[in-house]
Amino acid sequence: MAVIVKYVVERNGVERMTFTSKKEADAYDKMLDMAESLEQMLTKVDVPLSEQQVESLALEIAKQKDDFLAVLKGAKPPTNQTGSKKEKPATQENVAKLKEA
């Protein structure tokens, strides 16, 4: 029998993702915190966006925060269309998506 340690990131009572390392789970949780803060900022902008658009935009900005920070500091945007080439905190081989309740 094997013992497997899993780290589950939970938001508002809903399990969002499960990870095999605490470091990756913490990084994902921090990214969700950032997205939540961005949502609050985006609801105040003078651009008509639906609630779903605000949520999606905030999550994408949080996922690509390094690229956005570089652009805000005056750097040119990355040339690839999918964002940064840096390794993301969650990788397919050690993350299992969970259904939302």
PDB file of N, CA and C in Angstrom:
ATOM      1  N   MET A   1       0.844  -1.173   0.000  1.00  0.00           N
ATOM      2  CA  MET A   1       0.000   0.000   0.000  1.00  0.00           C
ATOM      3  C   MET A   1       0.889   1.236   0.000  1.00  0.00           C
ATOM      4  N   ALA A   2       0.588   2.154  -0.866  1.00  0.00           N
ATOM      5  CA  ALA A   2       1.359   3.388  -0.958  1.00  0.00           C
ATOM      6  C   ALA A   2       0.588   4.529  -0.308  1.00  0.00           C
ATOM      7  N   VAL A   3       1.343   5.421   0.298  1.00  0.00           N
ATOM      8  CA  VAL A   3       0.754   6.623   0.872  1.00  0.00           C
ATOM      9  C   VAL A   3       1.074   7.777  -0.068  1.00  0.00           C
ATOM     10  N   ILE A   4       0.036   8.473  -0.502  1.00  0.00           N
ATOM     11  CA  ILE A   4       0.214   9.584  -1.422  1.00  0.00           C
ATOM     12  C   ILE A   4      -0.289  10.849  -0.743  1.00  0.00           C
ATOM     13  N   VAL A   5       0.580  11.846  -0.691  1.00  0.00           N
ATOM     14  CA  VAL A   5       0.214  13.126  -0.105  1.00  0.00           C
ATOM     15  C   VAL A   5      -0.265  14.037  -1.230  1.00  0.00           C
ATOM     16  N   LYS A   6      -1.437  14.628  -1.026  1.00  0.00           N
ATOM     17  CA  LYS A   6      -1.990  15.557  -2.008  1.00  0.00           C
ATOM     18  C   LYS A   6      -2.340  16.854  -1.303  1.00  0.00           C
ATOM     19  N   TYR A   7      -2.095  17.949  -2.005  1.00  0.00           N
ATOM     20  CA  TYR A   7      -2.418  19.267  -1.490  1.00  0.00           C
ATOM     21  C   TYR A   7      -3.568  19.815  -2.327  1.00  0.00           C
ATOM     22  N   VAL A   8      -4.646  20.169  -1.652  1.00  0.00           N
ATOM     23  CA  VAL A   8      -5.856  20.618  -2.341  1.00  0.00           C
ATOM     24  C   VAL A   8      -6.034  22.113  -2.099  1.00  0.00           C
ATOM     25  N   VAL A   9      -6.231  22.853  -3.184  1.00  0.00           N
ATOM     26  CA  VAL A   9      -6.522  24.282  -3.086  1.00  0.00           C
ATOM     27  C   VAL A   9      -8.032  24.419  -3.139  1.00  0.00           C
ATOM     28  N   GLU A  10      -8.575  25.073  -2.115  1.00  0.00           N
ATOM     29  CA  GLU A  10     -10.014  25.217  -1.988  1.00  0.00           C
ATOM     30  C   GLU A  10     -10.377  26.695  -1.929  1.00  0.00           C
ATOM     31  N   ARG A  11     -11.436  27.077  -2.628  1.00  0.00           N
ATOM     32  CA  ARG A  11     -11.939  28.456  -2.628  1.00  0.00           C
ATOM     33  C   ARG A  11     -13.427  28.432  -2.360  1.00  0.00           C
ATOM     34  N   ASN A  12     -13.849  29.147  -1.340  1.00  0.00           N
ATOM     35  CA  ASN A  12     -15.273  29.266  -1.002  1.00  0.00           C
ATOM     36  C   ASN A  12     -15.951  27.909  -0.915  1.00  0.00           C
ATOM     37  N   GLY A  13     -15.286  26.962  -0.301  1.00  0.00           N
ATOM     38  CA  GLY A  13     -15.854  25.636  -0.114  1.00  0.00           C
ATOM     39  C   GLY A  13     -15.794  24.730  -1.330  1.00  0.00           C
ATOM     40  N   VAL A  14     -15.159  25.197  -2.414  1.00  0.00           N
ATOM     41  CA  VAL A  14     -15.064  24.410  -3.645  1.00  0.00           C
ATOM     42  C   VAL A  14     -13.606  24.038  -3.873  1.00  0.00           C
ATOM     43  N   GLU A  15     -13.362  22.748  -4.073  1.00  0.00           N
ATOM     44  CA  GLU A  15     -12.006  22.294  -4.366  1.00  0.00           C
ATOM     45  C   GLU A  15     -11.664  22.687  -5.795  1.00  0.00           C
ATOM     46  N   ARG A  16     -10.596  23.483  -5.967  1.00  0.00           N
ATOM     47  CA  ARG A  16     -10.236  23.995  -7.284  1.00  0.00           C
ATOM     48  C   ARG A  16      -9.221  23.103  -7.996  1.00  0.00           C
ATOM     49  N   MET A  17      -8.149  22.724  -7.307  1.00  0.00           N
ATOM     50  CA  MET A  17      -7.095  21.900  -7.899  1.00  0.00           C
ATOM     51  C   MET A  17      -6.431  21.097  -6.801  1.00  0.00           C
ATOM     52  N   THR A  18      -5.820  20.012  -7.211  1.00  0.00           N
ATOM     53  CA  THR A  18      -5.038  19.221  -6.277  1.00  0.00           C
ATOM     54  C   THR A  18      -3.623  19.075  -6.836  1.00  0.00           C
ATOM     55  N   PHE A  19      -2.642  19.125  -5.956  1.00  0.00           N
ATOM     56  CA  PHE A  19      -1.234  19.101  -6.346  1.00  0.00           C
ATOM     57  C   PHE A  19      -0.484  18.039  -5.542  1.00  0.00           C
ATOM     58  N   THR A  20       0.662  17.666  -6.043  1.00  0.00           N
ATOM     59  CA  THR A  20       1.499  16.709  -5.323  1.00  0.00           C
ATOM     60  C   THR A  20       2.592  17.397  -4.516  1.00  0.00           C
ATOM     61  N   SER A  21       2.757  18.710  -4.694  1.00  0.00           N
ATOM     62  CA  SER A  21       3.755  19.422  -3.891  1.00  0.00           C
ATOM     63  C   SER A  21       3.129  20.656  -3.252  1.00  0.00           C
ATOM     64  N   LYS A  22       3.555  20.941  -2.046  1.00  0.00           N
ATOM     65  CA  LYS A  22       3.040  22.100  -1.316  1.00  0.00           C
ATOM     66  C   LYS A  22       3.433  23.393  -2.017  1.00  0.00           C
ATOM     67  N   LYS A  23       4.626  23.455  -2.580  1.00  0.00           N
ATOM     68  CA  LYS A  23       5.101  24.650  -3.262  1.00  0.00           C
ATOM     69  C   LYS A  23       4.183  25.018  -4.425  1.00  0.00           C
ATOM     70  N   GLU A  24       3.799  24.048  -5.224  1.00  0.00           N
ATOM     71  CA  GLU A  24       2.910  24.303  -6.360  1.00  0.00           C
ATOM     72  C   GLU A  24       1.515  24.695  -5.896  1.00  0.00           C
ATOM     73  N   ALA A  25       1.033  24.059  -4.839  1.00  0.00           N
ATOM     74  CA  ALA A  25      -0.286  24.398  -4.300  1.00  0.00           C
ATOM     75  C   ALA A  25      -0.292  25.827  -3.772  1.00  0.00           C
ATOM     76  N   ASP A  26       0.774  26.214  -3.070  1.00  0.00           N
ATOM     77  CA  ASP A  26       0.868  27.576  -2.556  1.00  0.00           C
ATOM     78  C   ASP A  26       0.930  28.594  -3.694  1.00  0.00           C
ATOM     79  N   ALA A  27       1.679  28.275  -4.750  1.00  0.00           N
ATOM     80  CA  ALA A  27       1.789  29.185  -5.907  1.00  0.00           C
ATOM     81  C   ALA A  27       0.423  29.363  -6.576  1.00  0.00           C
ATOM     82  N   TYR A  28      -0.321  28.278  -6.718  1.00  0.00           N
ATOM     83  CA  TYR A  28      -1.647  28.346  -7.335  1.00  0.00           C
ATOM     84  C   TYR A  28      -2.604  29.154  -6.460  1.00  0.00           C
ATOM     85  N   ASP A  29      -2.535  28.946  -5.146  1.00  0.00           N
ATOM     86  CA  ASP A  29      -3.379  29.680  -4.212  1.00  0.00           C
ATOM     87  C   ASP A  29      -3.063  31.173  -4.264  1.00  0.00           C
ATOM     88  N   LYS A  30      -1.790  31.512  -4.350  1.00  0.00           N
ATOM     89  CA  LYS A  30      -1.378  32.911  -4.449  1.00  0.00           C
ATOM     90  C   LYS A  30      -1.889  33.527  -5.745  1.00  0.00           C
ATOM     91  N   MET A  31      -1.842  32.760  -6.837  1.00  0.00           N
ATOM     92  CA  MET A  31      -2.337  33.246  -8.116  1.00  0.00           C
ATOM     93  C   MET A  31      -3.851  33.505  -8.034  1.00  0.00           C
ATOM     94  N   LEU A  32      -4.593  32.644  -7.341  1.00  0.00           N
ATOM     95  CA  LEU A  32      -6.030  32.851  -7.169  1.00  0.00           C
ATOM     96  C   LEU A  32      -6.311  34.090  -6.313  1.00  0.00           C
ATOM     97  N   ASP A  33      -5.484  34.327  -5.282  1.00  0.00           N
ATOM     98  CA  ASP A  33      -5.620  35.543  -4.473  1.00  0.00           C
ATOM     99  C   ASP A  33      -5.432  36.784  -5.334  1.00  0.00           C
ATOM    100  N   MET A  34      -4.408  36.725  -6.193  1.00  0.00           N
ATOM    101  CA  MET A  34      -4.120  37.845  -7.082  1.00  0.00           C
ATOM    102  C   MET A  34      -5.291  38.074  -8.040  1.00  0.00           C
ATOM    103  N   ALA A  35      -5.838  37.009  -8.599  1.00  0.00           N
ATOM    104  CA  ALA A  35      -6.968  37.120  -9.526  1.00  0.00           C
ATOM    105  C   ALA A  35      -8.178  37.730  -8.820  1.00  0.00           C
ATOM    106  N   GLU A  36      -8.390  37.358  -7.579  1.00  0.00           N
ATOM    107  CA  GLU A  36      -9.513  37.908  -6.815  1.00  0.00           C
ATOM    108  C   GLU A  36      -9.346  39.415  -6.610  1.00  0.00           C
ATOM    109  N   SER A  37      -8.134  39.849  -6.308  1.00  0.00           N
ATOM    110  CA  SER A  37      -7.862  41.277  -6.141  1.00  0.00           C
ATOM    111  C   SER A  37      -8.028  42.022  -7.460  1.00  0.00           C
ATOM    112  N   LEU A  38      -7.575  41.399  -8.539  1.00  0.00           N
ATOM    113  CA  LEU A  38      -7.722  42.004  -9.861  1.00  0.00           C
ATOM    114  C   LEU A  38      -9.195  42.143 -10.241  1.00  0.00           C
ATOM    115  N   GLU A  39     -10.001  41.156  -9.883  1.00  0.00           N
ATOM    116  CA  GLU A  39     -11.444  41.238 -10.168  1.00  0.00           C
ATOM    117  C   GLU A  39     -12.045  42.476  -9.514  1.00  0.00           C
ATOM    118  N   GLN A  40     -11.656  42.725  -8.266  1.00  0.00           N
ATOM    119  CA  GLN A  40     -12.178  43.903  -7.560  1.00  0.00           C
ATOM    120  C   GLN A  40     -11.773  45.184  -8.276  1.00  0.00           C
ATOM    121  N   MET A  41     -10.540  45.232  -8.783  1.00  0.00           N
ATOM    122  CA  MET A  41     -10.079  46.408  -9.525  1.00  0.00           C
ATOM    123  C   MET A  41     -10.820  46.548 -10.846  1.00  0.00           C
ATOM    124  N   LEU A  42     -11.008  45.443 -11.553  1.00  0.00           N
ATOM    125  CA  LEU A  42     -11.630  45.485 -12.875  1.00  0.00           C
ATOM    126  C   LEU A  42     -13.105  45.861 -12.821  1.00  0.00           C
ATOM    127  N   THR A  43     -13.770  45.603 -11.718  1.00  0.00           N
ATOM    128  CA  THR A  43     -15.179  45.990 -11.610  1.00  0.00           C
ATOM    129  C   THR A  43     -15.329  47.506 -11.520  1.00  0.00           C
ATOM    130  N   LYS A  44     -14.241  48.201 -11.192  1.00  0.00           N
ATOM    131  CA  LYS A  44     -14.283  49.655 -11.055  1.00  0.00           C
ATOM    132  C   LYS A  44     -13.897  50.396 -12.335  1.00  0.00           C
ATOM    133  N   VAL A  45     -13.421  49.693 -13.355  1.00  0.00           N
ATOM    134  CA  VAL A  45     -13.009  50.368 -14.585  1.00  0.00           C
ATOM    135  C   VAL A  45     -14.230  50.809 -15.388  1.00  0.00           C
ATOM    136  N   ASP A  46     -14.016  51.814 -16.205  1.00  0.00           N
ATOM    137  CA  ASP A  46     -15.116  52.389 -16.979  1.00  0.00           C
ATOM    138  C   ASP A  46     -15.227  51.705 -18.350  1.00  0.00           C
ATOM    139  N   VAL A  47     -15.232  50.389 -18.331  1.00  0.00           N
ATOM    140  CA  VAL A  47     -15.377  49.588 -19.548  1.00  0.00           C
ATOM    141  C   VAL A  47     -16.460  48.555 -19.261  1.00  0.00           C
ATOM    142  N   PRO A  48     -17.470  48.478 -20.117  1.00  0.00           N
ATOM    143  CA  PRO A  48     -18.551  47.520 -19.851  1.00  0.00           C
ATOM    144  C   PRO A  48     -18.084  46.074 -20.032  1.00  0.00           C
ATOM    145  N   LEU A  49     -17.962  45.368 -18.940  1.00  0.00           N
ATOM    146  CA  LEU A  49     -17.574  43.956 -18.953  1.00  0.00           C
ATOM    147  C   LEU A  49     -18.581  43.165 -18.131  1.00  0.00           C
ATOM    148  N   SER A  50     -18.898  41.963 -18.600  1.00  0.00           N
ATOM    149  CA  SER A  50     -19.785  41.101 -17.823  1.00  0.00           C
ATOM    150  C   SER A  50     -18.996  40.529 -16.644  1.00  0.00           C
ATOM    151  N   GLU A  51     -19.703  39.982 -15.703  1.00  0.00           N
ATOM    152  CA  GLU A  51     -19.063  39.380 -14.534  1.00  0.00           C
ATOM    153  C   GLU A  51     -18.124  38.244 -14.958  1.00  0.00           C
ATOM    154  N   GLN A  52     -18.550  37.450 -15.941  1.00  0.00           N
ATOM    155  CA  GLN A  52     -17.723  36.349 -16.446  1.00  0.00           C
ATOM    156  C   GLN A  52     -16.462  36.878 -17.128  1.00  0.00           C
ATOM    157  N   GLN A  53     -16.598  37.966 -17.887  1.00  0.00           N
ATOM    158  CA  GLN A  53     -15.438  38.556 -18.552  1.00  0.00           C
ATOM    159  C   GLN A  53     -14.441  39.097 -17.538  1.00  0.00           C
ATOM    160  N   VAL A  54     -14.938  39.743 -16.501  1.00  0.00           N
ATOM    161  CA  VAL A  54     -14.066  40.271 -15.450  1.00  0.00           C
ATOM    162  C   VAL A  54     -13.309  39.129 -14.783  1.00  0.00           C
ATOM    163  N   GLU A  55     -14.028  38.062 -14.461  1.00  0.00           N
ATOM    164  CA  GLU A  55     -13.405  36.906 -13.804  1.00  0.00           C
ATOM    165  C   GLU A  55     -12.342  36.271 -14.702  1.00  0.00           C
ATOM    166  N   SER A  56     -12.676  36.077 -15.970  1.00  0.00           N
ATOM    167  CA  SER A  56     -11.729  35.458 -16.907  1.00  0.00           C
ATOM    168  C   SER A  56     -10.508  36.337 -17.137  1.00  0.00           C
ATOM    169  N   LEU A  57     -10.729  37.621 -17.306  1.00  0.00           N
ATOM    170  CA  LEU A  57      -9.627  38.550 -17.528  1.00  0.00           C
ATOM    171  C   LEU A  57      -8.708  38.610 -16.312  1.00  0.00           C
ATOM    172  N   ALA A  58      -9.278  38.681 -15.143  1.00  0.00           N
ATOM    173  CA  ALA A  58      -8.477  38.726 -13.912  1.00  0.00           C
ATOM    174  C   ALA A  58      -7.634  37.462 -13.769  1.00  0.00           C
ATOM    175  N   LEU A  59      -8.203  36.309 -14.065  1.00  0.00           N
ATOM    176  CA  LEU A  59      -7.475  35.049 -13.952  1.00  0.00           C
ATOM    177  C   LEU A  59      -6.326  34.986 -14.955  1.00  0.00           C
ATOM    178  N   GLU A  60      -6.563  35.439 -16.189  1.00  0.00           N
ATOM    179  CA  GLU A  60      -5.502  35.431 -17.207  1.00  0.00           C
ATOM    180  C   GLU A  60      -4.384  36.400 -16.861  1.00  0.00           C
ATOM    181  N   ILE A  61      -4.727  37.571 -16.339  1.00  0.00           N
ATOM    182  CA  ILE A  61      -3.692  38.522 -15.929  1.00  0.00           C
ATOM    183  C   ILE A  61      -2.859  37.930 -14.798  1.00  0.00           C
ATOM    184  N   ALA A  62      -3.523  37.288 -13.834  1.00  0.00           N
ATOM    185  CA  ALA A  62      -2.804  36.674 -12.715  1.00  0.00           C
ATOM    186  C   ALA A  62      -1.889  35.551 -13.195  1.00  0.00           C
ATOM    187  N   LYS A  63      -2.351  34.765 -14.169  1.00  0.00           N
ATOM    188  CA  LYS A  63      -1.531  33.667 -14.694  1.00  0.00           C
ATOM    189  C   LYS A  63      -0.286  34.191 -15.397  1.00  0.00           C
ATOM    190  N   GLN A  64      -0.405  35.346 -16.052  1.00  0.00           N
ATOM    191  CA  GLN A  64       0.706  35.899 -16.830  1.00  0.00           C
ATOM    192  C   GLN A  64       1.261  37.166 -16.182  1.00  0.00           C
ATOM    193  N   LYS A  65       1.265  37.192 -14.863  1.00  0.00           N
ATOM    194  CA  LYS A  65       1.636  38.402 -14.130  1.00  0.00           C
ATOM    195  C   LYS A  65       3.026  38.903 -14.484  1.00  0.00           C
ATOM    196  N   ASP A  66       3.986  38.015 -14.704  1.00  0.00           N
ATOM    197  CA  ASP A  66       5.345  38.451 -15.016  1.00  0.00           C
ATOM    198  C   ASP A  66       5.390  39.232 -16.318  1.00  0.00           C
ATOM    199  N   ASP A  67       4.655  38.768 -17.316  1.00  0.00           N
ATOM    200  CA  ASP A  67       4.602  39.474 -18.590  1.00  0.00           C
ATOM    201  C   ASP A  67       3.925  40.837 -18.429  1.00  0.00           C
ATOM    202  N   PHE A  68       2.827  40.885 -17.683  1.00  0.00           N
ATOM    203  CA  PHE A  68       2.128  42.143 -17.476  1.00  0.00           C
ATOM    204  C   PHE A  68       2.989  43.129 -16.692  1.00  0.00           C
ATOM    205  N   LEU A  69       3.684  42.640 -15.673  1.00  0.00           N
ATOM    206  CA  LEU A  69       4.554  43.524 -14.895  1.00  0.00           C
ATOM    207  C   LEU A  69       5.672  44.094 -15.757  1.00  0.00           C
ATOM    208  N   ALA A  70       6.245  43.271 -16.613  1.00  0.00           N
ATOM    209  CA  ALA A  70       7.321  43.729 -17.498  1.00  0.00           C
ATOM    210  C   ALA A  70       6.806  44.827 -18.432  1.00  0.00           C
ATOM    211  N   VAL A  71       5.625  44.624 -18.998  1.00  0.00           N
ATOM    212  CA  VAL A  71       5.052  45.629 -19.896  1.00  0.00           C
ATOM    213  C   VAL A  71       4.750  46.917 -19.135  1.00  0.00           C
ATOM    214  N   LEU A  72       4.224  46.803 -17.931  1.00  0.00           N
ATOM    215  CA  LEU A  72       3.924  47.990 -17.135  1.00  0.00           C
ATOM    216  C   LEU A  72       5.184  48.759 -16.751  1.00  0.00           C
ATOM    217  N   LYS A  73       6.315  48.064 -16.707  1.00  0.00           N
ATOM    218  CA  LYS A  73       7.590  48.714 -16.401  1.00  0.00           C
ATOM    219  C   LYS A  73       8.255  49.272 -17.651  1.00  0.00           C
ATOM    220  N   GLY A  74       7.620  49.112 -18.809  1.00  0.00           N
ATOM    221  CA  GLY A  74       8.135  49.701 -20.030  1.00  0.00           C
ATOM    222  C   GLY A  74       8.783  48.734 -20.995  1.00  0.00           C
ATOM    223  N   ALA A  75       8.812  47.469 -20.684  1.00  0.00           N
ATOM    224  CA  ALA A  75       9.396  46.484 -21.592  1.00  0.00           C
ATOM    225  C   ALA A  75       8.422  46.188 -22.726  1.00  0.00           C
ATOM    226  N   LYS A  76       8.946  45.638 -23.798  1.00  0.00           N
ATOM    227  CA  LYS A  76       8.087  45.244 -24.907  1.00  0.00           C
ATOM    228  C   LYS A  76       7.372  43.946 -24.537  1.00  0.00           C
ATOM    229  N   PRO A  77       6.151  43.769 -25.051  1.00  0.00           N
ATOM    230  CA  PRO A  77       5.422  42.527 -24.745  1.00  0.00           C
ATOM    231  C   PRO A  77       6.139  41.326 -25.348  1.00  0.00           C
ATOM    232  N   PRO A  78       5.963  40.143 -24.744  1.00  0.00           N
ATOM    233  CA  PRO A  78       6.591  38.938 -25.287  1.00  0.00           C
ATOM    234  C   PRO A  78       6.085  38.670 -26.709  1.00  0.00           C
ATOM    235  N   THR A  79       6.918  38.051 -27.534  1.00  0.00           N
ATOM    236  CA  THR A  79       6.552  37.822 -28.931  1.00  0.00           C
ATOM    237  C   THR A  79       5.609  36.649 -29.109  1.00  0.00           C
ATOM    238  N   ASN A  80       5.639  35.654 -28.213  1.00  0.00           N
ATOM    239  CA  ASN A  80       4.724  34.524 -28.366  1.00  0.00           C
ATOM    240  C   ASN A  80       3.330  34.926 -27.911  1.00  0.00           C
ATOM    241  N   GLN A  81       2.304  34.313 -28.503  1.00  0.00           N
ATOM    242  CA  GLN A  81       0.928  34.724 -28.245  1.00  0.00           C
ATOM    243  C   GLN A  81       0.315  34.084 -27.016  1.00  0.00           C
ATOM    244  N   THR A  82       0.942  33.059 -26.457  1.00  0.00           N
ATOM    245  CA  THR A  82       0.348  32.371 -25.317  1.00  0.00           C
ATOM    246  C   THR A  82       0.907  32.855 -23.993  1.00  0.00           C
ATOM    247  N   GLY A  83       1.712  33.891 -23.983  1.00  0.00           N
ATOM    248  CA  GLY A  83       2.239  34.417 -22.735  1.00  0.00           C
ATOM    249  C   GLY A  83       3.655  33.964 -22.492  1.00  0.00           C
ATOM    250  N   SER A  84       4.042  33.984 -21.250  1.00  0.00           N
ATOM    251  CA  SER A  84       5.416  33.694 -20.861  1.00  0.00           C
ATOM    252  C   SER A  84       5.799  32.246 -21.129  1.00  0.00           C
ATOM    253  N   LYS A  85       7.079  32.047 -21.456  1.00  0.00           N
ATOM    254  CA  LYS A  85       7.570  30.690 -21.654  1.00  0.00           C
ATOM    255  C   LYS A  85       8.039  30.065 -20.348  1.00  0.00           C
ATOM    256  N   LYS A  86       7.988  30.840 -19.262  1.00  0.00           N
ATOM    257  CA  LYS A  86       8.412  30.312 -17.975  1.00  0.00           C
ATOM    258  C   LYS A  86       7.477  29.191 -17.556  1.00  0.00           C
ATOM    259  N   GLU A  87       8.022  28.267 -16.762  1.00  0.00           N
ATOM    260  CA  GLU A  87       7.210  27.138 -16.306  1.00  0.00           C
ATOM    261  C   GLU A  87       6.134  27.638 -15.368  1.00  0.00           C
ATOM    262  N   LYS A  88       4.938  27.184 -15.583  1.00  0.00           N
ATOM    263  CA  LYS A  88       3.815  27.564 -14.740  1.00  0.00           C
ATOM    264  C   LYS A  88       3.827  26.685 -13.497  1.00  0.00           C
ATOM    265  N   PRO A  89       3.210  27.155 -12.395  1.00  0.00           N
ATOM    266  CA  PRO A  89       3.237  26.382 -11.161  1.00  0.00           C
ATOM    267  C   PRO A  89       2.589  25.001 -11.298  1.00  0.00           C
ATOM    268  N   ALA A  90       1.587  24.871 -12.127  1.00  0.00           N
ATOM    269  CA  ALA A  90       0.893  23.591 -12.265  1.00  0.00           C
ATOM    270  C   ALA A  90       1.289  22.937 -13.589  1.00  0.00           C
ATOM    271  N   THR A  91       1.672  21.670 -13.531  1.00  0.00           N
ATOM    272  CA  THR A  91       1.991  20.942 -14.746  1.00  0.00           C
ATOM    273  C   THR A  91       1.050  19.759 -14.872  1.00  0.00           C
ATOM    274  N   GLN A  92       0.832  19.296 -16.090  1.00  0.00           N
ATOM    275  CA  GLN A  92      -0.139  18.242 -16.349  1.00  0.00           C
ATOM    276  C   GLN A  92       0.174  16.949 -15.601  1.00  0.00           C
ATOM    277  N   GLU A  93       1.438  16.597 -15.464  1.00  0.00           N
ATOM    278  CA  GLU A  93       1.747  15.296 -14.876  1.00  0.00           C
ATOM    279  C   GLU A  93       1.504  15.228 -13.374  1.00  0.00           C
ATOM    280  N   ASN A  94       1.395  16.361 -12.683  1.00  0.00           N
ATOM    281  CA  ASN A  94       1.191  16.268 -11.237  1.00  0.00           C
ATOM    282  C   ASN A  94      -0.023  17.047 -10.735  1.00  0.00           C
ATOM    283  N   VAL A  95      -0.953  17.366 -11.632  1.00  0.00           N
ATOM    284  CA  VAL A  95      -2.151  18.093 -11.234  1.00  0.00           C
ATOM    285  C   VAL A  95      -3.382  17.357 -11.742  1.00  0.00           C
ATOM    286  N   ALA A  96      -4.356  17.237 -10.869  1.00  0.00           N
ATOM    287  CA  ALA A  96      -5.627  16.638 -11.275  1.00  0.00           C
ATOM    288  C   ALA A  96      -6.716  17.672 -11.094  1.00  0.00           C
ATOM    289  N   LYS A  97      -7.476  17.948 -12.165  1.00  0.00           N
ATOM    290  CA  LYS A  97      -8.586  18.886 -12.060  1.00  0.00           C
ATOM    291  C   LYS A  97      -9.733  18.232 -11.294  1.00  0.00           C
ATOM    292  N   LEU A  98     -10.378  19.032 -10.495  1.00  0.00           N
ATOM    293  CA  LEU A  98     -11.516  18.549  -9.718  1.00  0.00           C
ATOM    294  C   LEU A  98     -12.772  19.235 -10.214  1.00  0.00           C
ATOM    295  N   LYS A  99     -13.874  18.544 -10.150  1.00  0.00           N
ATOM    296  CA  LYS A  99     -15.148  19.134 -10.560  1.00  0.00           C
ATOM    297  C   LYS A  99     -15.579  20.168  -9.524  1.00  0.00           C
ATOM    298  N   GLU A 100     -16.161  21.260 -10.026  1.00  0.00           N
ATOM    299  CA  GLU A 100     -16.724  22.255  -9.121  1.00  0.00           C
ATOM    300  C   GLU A 100     -18.114  21.805  -8.694  1.00  0.00           C
ATOM    301  N   ALA A 101     -18.436  22.071  -7.449  1.00  0.00           N
ATOM    302  CA  ALA A 101     -19.740  21.662  -6.929  1.00  0.00           C
ATOM    303  C   ALA A 101     -20.830  22.563  -7.404  1.00  0.00           C
TER     304      ALA A 101
END
